[in-house]
Amino acid sequence: MSSTQQYLLDTYRAQWLGEAPPPPPGTHDWQTASELRDYRQFRAVVAEHPAHGRLRRVLGRWLHPRACSAC
């Protein structure tokens, strides 16, 4: 059963029971992806894993600033 078919079935069931219909499929995809990313970052911090990607570059710039030749 596809997600669209399941949504239609749930909508019909909610209407039959007088309840509010469920949100359509894909409504909360971005929120879910964001929460998953935040959870993975949290787990990395708890496990004391080193930072990667953009976070590592930012931390590197803060911890090891290059000497400014024009200063």
PDB file of N, CA and C in Angstrom:
ATOM      1  N   MET A   1       0.850  -1.167   0.000  1.00  0.00           N
ATOM      2  CA  MET A   1       0.000   0.000   0.000  1.00  0.00           C
ATOM      3  C   MET A   1       0.901   1.237   0.000  1.00  0.00           C
ATOM      4  N   SER A   2       0.633   2.159  -0.891  1.00  0.00           N
ATOM      5  CA  SER A   2       1.438   3.374  -0.972  1.00  0.00           C
ATOM      6  C   SER A   2       1.023   4.352   0.118  1.00  0.00           C
ATOM      7  N   SER A   3       1.837   5.375   0.306  1.00  0.00           N
ATOM      8  CA  SER A   3       1.522   6.364   1.339  1.00  0.00           C
ATOM      9  C   SER A   3       0.258   7.155   0.972  1.00  0.00           C
ATOM     10  N   THR A   4       0.017   7.348  -0.316  1.00  0.00           N
ATOM     11  CA  THR A   4      -1.191   8.055  -0.738  1.00  0.00           C
ATOM     12  C   THR A   4      -2.435   7.223  -0.440  1.00  0.00           C
ATOM     13  N   GLN A   5      -2.369   5.934  -0.718  1.00  0.00           N
ATOM     14  CA  GLN A   5      -3.501   5.061  -0.416  1.00  0.00           C
ATOM     15  C   GLN A   5      -3.767   5.000   1.084  1.00  0.00           C
ATOM     16  N   GLN A   6      -2.695   4.928   1.867  1.00  0.00           N
ATOM     17  CA  GLN A   6      -2.848   4.902   3.323  1.00  0.00           C
ATOM     18  C   GLN A   6      -3.462   6.210   3.815  1.00  0.00           C
ATOM     19  N   TYR A   7      -3.030   7.326   3.232  1.00  0.00           N
ATOM     20  CA  TYR A   7      -3.584   8.628   3.611  1.00  0.00           C
ATOM     21  C   TYR A   7      -5.078   8.691   3.306  1.00  0.00           C
ATOM     22  N   LEU A   8      -5.463   8.229   2.117  1.00  0.00           N
ATOM     23  CA  LEU A   8      -6.880   8.245   1.750  1.00  0.00           C
ATOM     24  C   LEU A   8      -7.705   7.358   2.688  1.00  0.00           C
ATOM     25  N   LEU A   9      -7.183   6.196   3.034  1.00  0.00           N
ATOM     26  CA  LEU A   9      -7.870   5.311   3.968  1.00  0.00           C
ATOM     27  C   LEU A   9      -8.004   5.965   5.345  1.00  0.00           C
ATOM     28  N   ASP A  10      -6.926   6.573   5.829  1.00  0.00           N
ATOM     29  CA  ASP A  10      -6.961   7.241   7.139  1.00  0.00           C
ATOM     30  C   ASP A  10      -7.920   8.432   7.128  1.00  0.00           C
ATOM     31  N   THR A  11      -7.970   9.154   6.005  1.00  0.00           N
ATOM     32  CA  THR A  11      -8.884  10.292   5.885  1.00  0.00           C
ATOM     33  C   THR A  11     -10.335   9.821   5.929  1.00  0.00           C
ATOM     34  N   TYR A  12     -10.606   8.750   5.202  1.00  0.00           N
ATOM     35  CA  TYR A  12     -11.957   8.186   5.197  1.00  0.00           C
ATOM     36  C   TYR A  12     -12.349   7.715   6.597  1.00  0.00           C
ATOM     37  N   ARG A  13     -11.438   7.031   7.259  1.00  0.00           N
ATOM     38  CA  ARG A  13     -11.703   6.510   8.604  1.00  0.00           C
ATOM     39  C   ARG A  13     -11.937   7.661   9.586  1.00  0.00           C
ATOM     40  N   ALA A  14     -11.125   8.728   9.481  1.00  0.00           N
ATOM     41  CA  ALA A  14     -11.289   9.876  10.378  1.00  0.00           C
ATOM     42  C   ALA A  14     -12.627  10.566  10.131  1.00  0.00           C
ATOM     43  N   GLN A  15     -13.016  10.670   8.864  1.00  0.00           N
ATOM     44  CA  GLN A  15     -14.300  11.290   8.544  1.00  0.00           C
ATOM     45  C   GLN A  15     -15.448  10.442   9.084  1.00  0.00           C
ATOM     46  N   TRP A  16     -15.321   9.142   8.959  1.00  0.00           N
ATOM     47  CA  TRP A  16     -16.357   8.215   9.424  1.00  0.00           C
ATOM     48  C   TRP A  16     -16.521   8.292  10.945  1.00  0.00           C
ATOM     49  N   LEU A  17     -15.384   8.466  11.651  1.00  0.00           N
ATOM     50  CA  LEU A  17     -15.415   8.524  13.111  1.00  0.00           C
ATOM     51  C   LEU A  17     -15.608   9.941  13.644  1.00  0.00           C
ATOM     52  N   GLY A  18     -15.656  10.926  12.766  1.00  0.00           N
ATOM     53  CA  GLY A  18     -15.851  12.308  13.188  1.00  0.00           C
ATOM     54  C   GLY A  18     -14.605  12.938  13.786  1.00  0.00           C
ATOM     55  N   GLU A  19     -13.446  12.473  13.401  1.00  0.00           N
ATOM     56  CA  GLU A  19     -12.181  13.003  13.915  1.00  0.00           C
ATOM     57  C   GLU A  19     -11.547  13.927  12.887  1.00  0.00           C
ATOM     58  N   ALA A  20     -10.508  14.615  13.306  1.00  0.00           N
ATOM     59  CA  ALA A  20      -9.760  15.480  12.390  1.00  0.00           C
ATOM     60  C   ALA A  20      -8.958  14.616  11.423  1.00  0.00           C
ATOM     61  N   PRO A  21      -8.887  15.020  10.150  1.00  0.00           N
ATOM     62  CA  PRO A  21      -8.115  14.225   9.195  1.00  0.00           C
ATOM     63  C   PRO A  21      -6.610  14.335   9.462  1.00  0.00           C
ATOM     64  N   PRO A  22      -5.849  13.328   9.087  1.00  0.00           N
ATOM     65  CA  PRO A  22      -4.398  13.373   9.289  1.00  0.00           C
ATOM     66  C   PRO A  22      -3.756  14.336   8.289  1.00  0.00           C
ATOM     67  N   PRO A  23      -2.549  14.800   8.563  1.00  0.00           N
ATOM     68  CA  PRO A  23      -1.869  15.677   7.601  1.00  0.00           C
ATOM     69  C   PRO A  23      -1.495  14.888   6.347  1.00  0.00           C
ATOM     70  N   PRO A  24      -1.505  15.540   5.185  1.00  0.00           N
ATOM     71  CA  PRO A  24      -1.148  14.836   3.953  1.00  0.00           C
ATOM     72  C   PRO A  24       0.307  14.363   3.982  1.00  0.00           C
ATOM     73  N   PRO A  25       0.635  13.345   3.200  1.00  0.00           N
ATOM     74  CA  PRO A  25       2.015  12.844   3.175  1.00  0.00           C
ATOM     75  C   PRO A  25       2.978  13.931   2.698  1.00  0.00           C
ATOM     76  N   GLY A  26       4.121  14.011   3.338  1.00  0.00           N
ATOM     77  CA  GLY A  26       5.143  14.979   2.953  1.00  0.00           C
ATOM     78  C   GLY A  26       5.035  16.313   3.653  1.00  0.00           C
ATOM     79  N   THR A  27       4.032  16.494   4.504  1.00  0.00           N
ATOM     80  CA  THR A  27       3.833  17.780   5.165  1.00  0.00           C
ATOM     81  C   THR A  27       4.988  18.110   6.112  1.00  0.00           C
ATOM     82  N   HIS A  28       5.488  17.129   6.818  1.00  0.00           N
ATOM     83  CA  HIS A  28       6.509  17.377   7.841  1.00  0.00           C
ATOM     84  C   HIS A  28       7.881  16.822   7.454  1.00  0.00           C
ATOM     85  N   ASP A  29       8.145  16.652   6.158  1.00  0.00           N
ATOM     86  CA  ASP A  29       9.413  16.065   5.728  1.00  0.00           C
ATOM     87  C   ASP A  29      10.616  16.909   6.127  1.00  0.00           C
ATOM     88  N   TRP A  30      10.551  18.228   5.902  1.00  0.00           N
ATOM     89  CA  TRP A  30      11.690  19.088   6.233  1.00  0.00           C
ATOM     90  C   TRP A  30      11.933  19.124   7.739  1.00  0.00           C
ATOM     91  N   GLN A  31      10.875  19.167   8.500  1.00  0.00           N
ATOM     92  CA  GLN A  31      11.016  19.176   9.956  1.00  0.00           C
ATOM     93  C   GLN A  31      11.653  17.870  10.437  1.00  0.00           C
ATOM     94  N   THR A  32      11.242  16.762   9.861  1.00  0.00           N
ATOM     95  CA  THR A  32      11.800  15.464  10.233  1.00  0.00           C
ATOM     96  C   THR A  32      13.276  15.386   9.881  1.00  0.00           C
ATOM     97  N   ALA A  33      13.648  15.860   8.693  1.00  0.00           N
ATOM     98  CA  ALA A  33      15.051  15.850   8.284  1.00  0.00           C
ATOM     99  C   ALA A  33      15.888  16.726   9.213  1.00  0.00           C
ATOM    100  N   SER A  34      15.363  17.878   9.593  1.00  0.00           N
ATOM    101  CA  SER A  34      16.081  18.779  10.494  1.00  0.00           C
ATOM    102  C   SER A  34      16.261  18.147  11.870  1.00  0.00           C
ATOM    103  N   GLU A  35      15.225  17.514  12.373  1.00  0.00           N
ATOM    104  CA  GLU A  35      15.317  16.865  13.686  1.00  0.00           C
ATOM    105  C   GLU A  35      16.285  15.691  13.650  1.00  0.00           C
ATOM    106  N   LEU A  36      16.319  14.964  12.553  1.00  0.00           N
ATOM    107  CA  LEU A  36      17.262  13.854  12.416  1.00  0.00           C
ATOM    108  C   LEU A  36      18.698  14.372  12.420  1.00  0.00           C
ATOM    109  N   ARG A  37      18.948  15.467  11.689  1.00  0.00           N
ATOM    110  CA  ARG A  37      20.284  16.058  11.668  1.00  0.00           C
ATOM    111  C   ARG A  37      20.692  16.513  13.064  1.00  0.00           C
ATOM    112  N   ASP A  38      19.782  17.189  13.770  1.00  0.00           N
ATOM    113  CA  ASP A  38      20.082  17.648  15.124  1.00  0.00           C
ATOM    114  C   ASP A  38      20.369  16.476  16.061  1.00  0.00           C
ATOM    115  N   TYR A  39      19.592  15.408  15.919  1.00  0.00           N
ATOM    116  CA  TYR A  39      19.801  14.224  16.757  1.00  0.00           C
ATOM    117  C   TYR A  39      21.162  13.596  16.494  1.00  0.00           C
ATOM    118  N   ARG A  40      21.555  13.503  15.216  1.00  0.00           N
ATOM    119  CA  ARG A  40      22.858  12.913  14.888  1.00  0.00           C
ATOM    120  C   ARG A  40      23.994  13.772  15.426  1.00  0.00           C
ATOM    121  N   GLN A  41      23.852  15.103  15.351  1.00  0.00           N
ATOM    122  CA  GLN A  41      24.875  15.983  15.906  1.00  0.00           C
ATOM    123  C   GLN A  41      24.950  15.830  17.425  1.00  0.00           C
ATOM    124  N   PHE A  42      23.804  15.722  18.065  1.00  0.00           N
ATOM    125  CA  PHE A  42      23.776  15.529  19.515  1.00  0.00           C
ATOM    126  C   PHE A  42      24.465  14.229  19.895  1.00  0.00           C
ATOM    127  N   ARG A  43      24.144  13.136  19.186  1.00  0.00           N
ATOM    128  CA  ARG A  43      24.765  11.844  19.490  1.00  0.00           C
ATOM    129  C   ARG A  43      26.281  11.904  19.282  1.00  0.00           C
ATOM    130  N   ALA A  44      26.748  12.639  18.291  1.00  0.00           N
ATOM    131  CA  ALA A  44      28.183  12.775  18.057  1.00  0.00           C
ATOM    132  C   ALA A  44      28.854  13.513  19.209  1.00  0.00           C
ATOM    133  N   VAL A  45      28.198  14.526  19.737  1.00  0.00           N
ATOM    134  CA  VAL A  45      28.759  15.268  20.864  1.00  0.00           C
ATOM    135  C   VAL A  45      28.801  14.389  22.108  1.00  0.00           C
ATOM    136  N   VAL A  46      27.732  13.653  22.362  1.00  0.00           N
ATOM    137  CA  VAL A  46      27.686  12.777  23.537  1.00  0.00           C
ATOM    138  C   VAL A  46      28.751  11.682  23.434  1.00  0.00           C
ATOM    139  N   ALA A  47      28.982  11.174  22.230  1.00  0.00           N
ATOM    140  CA  ALA A  47      29.972  10.120  22.035  1.00  0.00           C
ATOM    141  C   ALA A  47      31.390  10.680  21.923  1.00  0.00           C
ATOM    142  N   GLU A  48      31.522  12.015  22.009  1.00  0.00           N
ATOM    143  CA  GLU A  48      32.814  12.702  21.935  1.00  0.00           C
ATOM    144  C   GLU A  48      33.537  12.439  20.628  1.00  0.00           C
ATOM    145  N   HIS A  49      32.799  12.425  19.527  1.00  0.00           N
ATOM    146  CA  HIS A  49      33.402  12.290  18.206  1.00  0.00           C
ATOM    147  C   HIS A  49      33.862  13.663  17.734  1.00  0.00           C
ATOM    148  N   PRO A  50      34.947  13.709  16.967  1.00  0.00           N
ATOM    149  CA  PRO A  50      35.399  15.005  16.468  1.00  0.00           C
ATOM    150  C   PRO A  50      34.398  15.587  15.458  1.00  0.00           C
ATOM    151  N   ALA A  51      34.401  16.898  15.352  1.00  0.00           N
ATOM    152  CA  ALA A  51      33.505  17.576  14.418  1.00  0.00           C
ATOM    153  C   ALA A  51      33.959  17.333  12.979  1.00  0.00           C
ATOM    154  N   HIS A  52      33.005  17.353  12.062  1.00  0.00           N
ATOM    155  CA  HIS A  52      33.295  17.163  10.639  1.00  0.00           C
ATOM    156  C   HIS A  52      32.608  18.247   9.831  1.00  0.00           C
ATOM    157  N   GLY A  53      33.072  18.442   8.624  1.00  0.00           N
ATOM    158  CA  GLY A  53      32.395  19.322   7.684  1.00  0.00           C
ATOM    159  C   GLY A  53      32.473  20.784   8.077  1.00  0.00           C
ATOM    160  N   ARG A  54      31.339  21.474   7.906  1.00  0.00           N
ATOM    161  CA  ARG A  54      31.303  22.915   8.151  1.00  0.00           C
ATOM    162  C   ARG A  54      31.650  23.256   9.590  1.00  0.00           C
ATOM    163  N   LEU A  55      31.166  22.466  10.520  1.00  0.00           N
ATOM    164  CA  LEU A  55      31.434  22.733  11.932  1.00  0.00           C
ATOM    165  C   LEU A  55      32.930  22.676  12.217  1.00  0.00           C
ATOM    166  N   ARG A  56      33.610  21.715  11.637  1.00  0.00           N
ATOM    167  CA  ARG A  56      35.042  21.583  11.861  1.00  0.00           C
ATOM    168  C   ARG A  56      35.802  22.772  11.287  1.00  0.00           C
ATOM    169  N   ARG A  57      35.380  23.261  10.107  1.00  0.00           N
ATOM    170  CA  ARG A  57      36.032  24.424   9.515  1.00  0.00           C
ATOM    171  C   ARG A  57      35.860  25.656  10.396  1.00  0.00           C
ATOM    172  N   VAL A  58      34.648  25.858  10.915  1.00  0.00           N
ATOM    173  CA  VAL A  58      34.390  27.014  11.783  1.00  0.00           C
ATOM    174  C   VAL A  58      35.224  26.923  13.046  1.00  0.00           C
ATOM    175  N   LEU A  59      35.236  25.752  13.662  1.00  0.00           N
ATOM    176  CA  LEU A  59      36.032  25.586  14.879  1.00  0.00           C
ATOM    177  C   LEU A  59      37.508  25.790  14.587  1.00  0.00           C
ATOM    178  N   GLY A  60      37.965  25.316  13.443  1.00  0.00           N
ATOM    179  CA  GLY A  60      39.363  25.505  13.057  1.00  0.00           C
ATOM    180  C   GLY A  60      39.716  26.967  12.897  1.00  0.00           C
ATOM    181  N   ARG A  61      38.800  27.750  12.313  1.00  0.00           N
ATOM    182  CA  ARG A  61      39.049  29.180  12.160  1.00  0.00           C
ATOM    183  C   ARG A  61      39.087  29.879  13.512  1.00  0.00           C
ATOM    184  N   TRP A  62      38.245  29.468  14.442  1.00  0.00           N
ATOM    185  CA  TRP A  62      38.220  30.097  15.761  1.00  0.00           C
ATOM    186  C   TRP A  62      39.467  29.736  16.571  1.00  0.00           C
ATOM    187  N   LEU A  63      39.863  28.475  16.488  1.00  0.00           N
ATOM    188  CA  LEU A  63      40.966  28.014  17.312  1.00  0.00           C
ATOM    189  C   LEU A  63      42.333  28.353  16.730  1.00  0.00           C
ATOM    190  N   HIS A  64      42.418  28.438  15.401  1.00  0.00           N
ATOM    191  CA  HIS A  64      43.694  28.675  14.736  1.00  0.00           C
ATOM    192  C   HIS A  64      43.548  29.800  13.711  1.00  0.00           C
ATOM    193  N   PRO A  65      43.372  31.028  14.178  1.00  0.00           N
ATOM    194  CA  PRO A  65      43.217  32.131  13.215  1.00  0.00           C
ATOM    195  C   PRO A  65      44.529  32.363  12.480  1.00  0.00           C
ATOM    196  N   ARG A  66      44.396  32.649  11.193  1.00  0.00           N
ATOM    197  CA  ARG A  66      45.597  32.937  10.407  1.00  0.00           C
ATOM    198  C   ARG A  66      46.063  34.351  10.719  1.00  0.00           C
ATOM    199  N   ALA A  67      47.371  34.552  10.655  1.00  0.00           N
ATOM    200  CA  ALA A  67      47.911  35.875  10.890  1.00  0.00           C
ATOM    201  C   ALA A  67      47.521  36.771   9.714  1.00  0.00           C
ATOM    202  N   CYS A  68      47.004  37.912  10.016  1.00  0.00           N
ATOM    203  CA  CYS A  68      46.556  38.843   8.990  1.00  0.00           C
ATOM    204  C   CYS A  68      47.760  39.629   8.497  1.00  0.00           C
ATOM    205  N   SER A  69      48.091  39.531   7.205  1.00  0.00           N
ATOM    206  CA  SER A  69      49.274  40.212   6.671  1.00  0.00           C
ATOM    207  C   SER A  69      49.027  41.702   6.508  1.00  0.00           C
ATOM    208  N   ALA A  70      47.778  42.141   6.381  1.00  0.00           N
ATOM    209  CA  ALA A  70      47.464  43.559   6.196  1.00  0.00           C
ATOM    210  C   ALA A  70      47.293  44.273   7.536  1.00  0.00           C
ATOM    211  N   CYS A  71      47.305  43.551   8.660  1.00  0.00           N
ATOM    212  CA  CYS A  71      47.030  44.175   9.963  1.00  0.00           C
ATOM    213  C   CYS A  71      48.209  44.870  10.530  1.00  0.00           C
TER     214      CYS A  71
END
